[in-house]
Amino acid sequence: MDFALREANSDMLRWLMEEYKLSAPEANLLMGTVVQNKIVTYFGTMATLIPRKYLEKP
């Protein structure tokens, strides 16, 4: 599970920096305050979610 969580968070950081042009510190700060992590399958697949209200349109 820890590997899946690490991978989900890494993907979210990459997405925030590429799509929303956030710097690494900005993306980490956003994730540290509003991120939601959910287990999406029985096998431990993880999803990292940020509510849209915290993101500006790119």
N, C-alpha and C. Protein backbone atom coordinates (compact mmCIF):
# COMPACT_ATOMS: atom_id res chain seq x y z
N MET A 1 0.81 -1.19 0.00
CA MET A 1 0.00 0.00 0.00
C MET A 1 0.86 1.26 0.00
N ASP A 2 1.97 1.25 0.73
CA ASP A 2 2.79 2.45 0.77
C ASP A 2 3.37 2.77 -0.60
N PHE A 3 3.69 1.73 -1.39
CA PHE A 3 4.18 1.97 -2.74
C PHE A 3 3.09 2.60 -3.61
N ALA A 4 1.87 2.09 -3.48
CA ALA A 4 0.75 2.62 -4.26
C ALA A 4 0.46 4.07 -3.88
N LEU A 5 0.53 4.38 -2.60
CA LEU A 5 0.30 5.74 -2.13
C LEU A 5 1.39 6.68 -2.65
N ARG A 6 2.62 6.24 -2.60
CA ARG A 6 3.74 7.04 -3.11
C ARG A 6 3.58 7.30 -4.61
N GLU A 7 3.18 6.29 -5.36
CA GLU A 7 3.01 6.44 -6.80
C GLU A 7 1.85 7.38 -7.12
N ALA A 8 0.73 7.25 -6.40
CA ALA A 8 -0.42 8.13 -6.63
C ALA A 8 -0.06 9.58 -6.33
N ASN A 9 0.65 9.82 -5.25
CA ASN A 9 1.05 11.19 -4.90
C ASN A 9 2.05 11.75 -5.91
N SER A 10 2.97 10.93 -6.37
CA SER A 10 3.94 11.38 -7.39
C SER A 10 3.24 11.76 -8.68
N ASP A 11 2.26 10.96 -9.08
CA ASP A 11 1.50 11.26 -10.29
C ASP A 11 0.73 12.57 -10.14
N MET A 12 0.14 12.79 -8.96
CA MET A 12 -0.60 14.03 -8.73
C MET A 12 0.34 15.24 -8.76
N LEU A 13 1.50 15.13 -8.14
CA LEU A 13 2.47 16.23 -8.18
C LEU A 13 2.88 16.55 -9.61
N ARG A 14 3.18 15.53 -10.38
CA ARG A 14 3.57 15.73 -11.77
C ARG A 14 2.45 16.41 -12.55
N TRP A 15 1.21 15.96 -12.34
CA TRP A 15 0.06 16.51 -13.05
C TRP A 15 -0.14 17.98 -12.68
N LEU A 16 -0.04 18.32 -11.40
CA LEU A 16 -0.20 19.71 -10.97
C LEU A 16 0.87 20.61 -11.58
N MET A 17 2.09 20.12 -11.68
CA MET A 17 3.17 20.93 -12.23
C MET A 17 3.06 21.07 -13.74
N GLU A 18 2.59 20.04 -14.44
CA GLU A 18 2.48 20.10 -15.89
C GLU A 18 1.22 20.81 -16.35
N GLU A 19 0.07 20.45 -15.82
CA GLU A 19 -1.19 21.00 -16.28
C GLU A 19 -1.50 22.38 -15.70
N TYR A 20 -1.18 22.59 -14.45
CA TYR A 20 -1.51 23.84 -13.78
C TYR A 20 -0.31 24.76 -13.59
N LYS A 21 0.84 24.33 -14.09
CA LYS A 21 2.07 25.14 -14.06
C LYS A 21 2.44 25.60 -12.65
N LEU A 22 2.18 24.75 -11.65
CA LEU A 22 2.60 25.06 -10.29
C LEU A 22 4.05 24.68 -10.11
N SER A 23 4.75 25.41 -9.27
CA SER A 23 6.12 25.02 -8.94
C SER A 23 6.05 23.83 -7.97
N ALA A 24 7.16 23.16 -7.78
CA ALA A 24 7.18 22.01 -6.87
C ALA A 24 6.75 22.40 -5.45
N PRO A 25 7.26 23.50 -4.89
CA PRO A 25 6.79 23.89 -3.55
C PRO A 25 5.30 24.20 -3.49
N GLU A 26 4.77 24.86 -4.54
CA GLU A 26 3.34 25.17 -4.57
C GLU A 26 2.49 23.90 -4.63
N ALA A 27 2.90 22.96 -5.48
CA ALA A 27 2.16 21.70 -5.61
C ALA A 27 2.20 20.91 -4.31
N ASN A 28 3.36 20.87 -3.66
CA ASN A 28 3.47 20.15 -2.39
C ASN A 28 2.64 20.81 -1.30
N LEU A 29 2.61 22.12 -1.27
CA LEU A 29 1.82 22.83 -0.27
C LEU A 29 0.33 22.56 -0.48
N LEU A 30 -0.11 22.61 -1.72
CA LEU A 30 -1.51 22.32 -2.03
C LEU A 30 -1.87 20.90 -1.61
N MET A 31 -1.03 19.96 -1.97
CA MET A 31 -1.30 18.56 -1.61
C MET A 31 -1.28 18.36 -0.10
N GLY A 32 -0.40 19.05 0.58
CA GLY A 32 -0.31 18.90 2.02
C GLY A 32 -1.51 19.43 2.77
N THR A 33 -2.29 20.30 2.12
CA THR A 33 -3.43 20.89 2.81
C THR A 33 -4.78 20.31 2.41
N VAL A 34 -4.95 19.91 1.15
CA VAL A 34 -6.29 19.52 0.71
C VAL A 34 -6.40 18.13 0.07
N VAL A 35 -5.33 17.38 -0.01
CA VAL A 35 -5.37 16.10 -0.71
C VAL A 35 -6.21 15.07 0.05
N GLN A 36 -6.86 14.21 -0.72
CA GLN A 36 -7.60 13.08 -0.17
C GLN A 36 -7.04 11.82 -0.83
N ASN A 37 -6.65 10.85 -0.03
CA ASN A 37 -6.17 9.58 -0.57
C ASN A 37 -7.22 8.52 -0.31
N LYS A 38 -7.54 7.75 -1.36
CA LYS A 38 -8.56 6.72 -1.24
C LYS A 38 -8.05 5.40 -1.81
N ILE A 39 -8.45 4.33 -1.19
CA ILE A 39 -8.17 3.00 -1.72
C ILE A 39 -9.30 2.71 -2.71
N VAL A 40 -8.95 2.41 -3.97
CA VAL A 40 -9.98 2.24 -4.99
C VAL A 40 -10.22 0.80 -5.40
N THR A 41 -9.34 -0.11 -5.03
CA THR A 41 -9.59 -1.53 -5.32
C THR A 41 -9.21 -2.39 -4.13
N TYR A 42 -9.70 -3.57 -4.11
CA TYR A 42 -9.40 -4.54 -3.06
C TYR A 42 -7.91 -4.83 -3.00
N PHE A 43 -7.23 -4.73 -4.12
CA PHE A 43 -5.81 -5.06 -4.18
C PHE A 43 -4.90 -3.92 -3.73
N GLY A 44 -5.46 -2.81 -3.32
CA GLY A 44 -4.66 -1.74 -2.77
C GLY A 44 -4.31 -0.63 -3.73
N THR A 45 -4.97 -0.54 -4.86
CA THR A 45 -4.74 0.58 -5.76
C THR A 45 -5.21 1.86 -5.08
N MET A 46 -4.39 2.89 -5.15
CA MET A 46 -4.69 4.14 -4.46
C MET A 46 -5.01 5.25 -5.46
N ALA A 47 -5.82 6.20 -5.03
CA ALA A 47 -6.11 7.40 -5.82
C ALA A 47 -5.85 8.61 -4.94
N THR A 48 -5.25 9.63 -5.51
CA THR A 48 -5.03 10.89 -4.82
C THR A 48 -5.97 11.91 -5.46
N LEU A 49 -6.79 12.55 -4.63
CA LEU A 49 -7.81 13.46 -5.13
C LEU A 49 -7.64 14.85 -4.53
N ILE A 50 -7.89 15.87 -5.36
CA ILE A 50 -7.93 17.25 -4.90
C ILE A 50 -9.23 17.83 -5.43
N PRO A 51 -10.09 18.36 -4.56
CA PRO A 51 -11.35 18.95 -5.03
C PRO A 51 -11.09 20.09 -6.03
N ARG A 52 -11.90 20.15 -7.06
CA ARG A 52 -11.73 21.14 -8.14
C ARG A 52 -11.78 22.58 -7.64
N LYS A 53 -12.49 22.83 -6.54
CA LYS A 53 -12.59 24.20 -6.06
C LYS A 53 -11.25 24.79 -5.65
N TYR A 54 -10.24 23.94 -5.45
CA TYR A 54 -8.91 24.43 -5.08
C TYR A 54 -8.00 24.65 -6.29
N LEU A 55 -8.49 24.35 -7.48
CA LEU A 55 -7.68 24.48 -8.69
C LEU A 55 -8.28 25.52 -9.63
N GLU A 56 -7.43 26.38 -10.16
CA GLU A 56 -7.88 27.32 -11.19
C GLU A 56 -7.85 26.60 -12.53
N LYS A 57 -8.65 27.06 -13.45
CA LYS A 57 -8.64 26.46 -14.79
C LYS A 57 -7.32 26.80 -15.48
N PRO A 58 -6.69 25.79 -16.13
CA PRO A 58 -5.39 26.05 -16.79
C PRO A 58 -5.51 26.95 -18.00
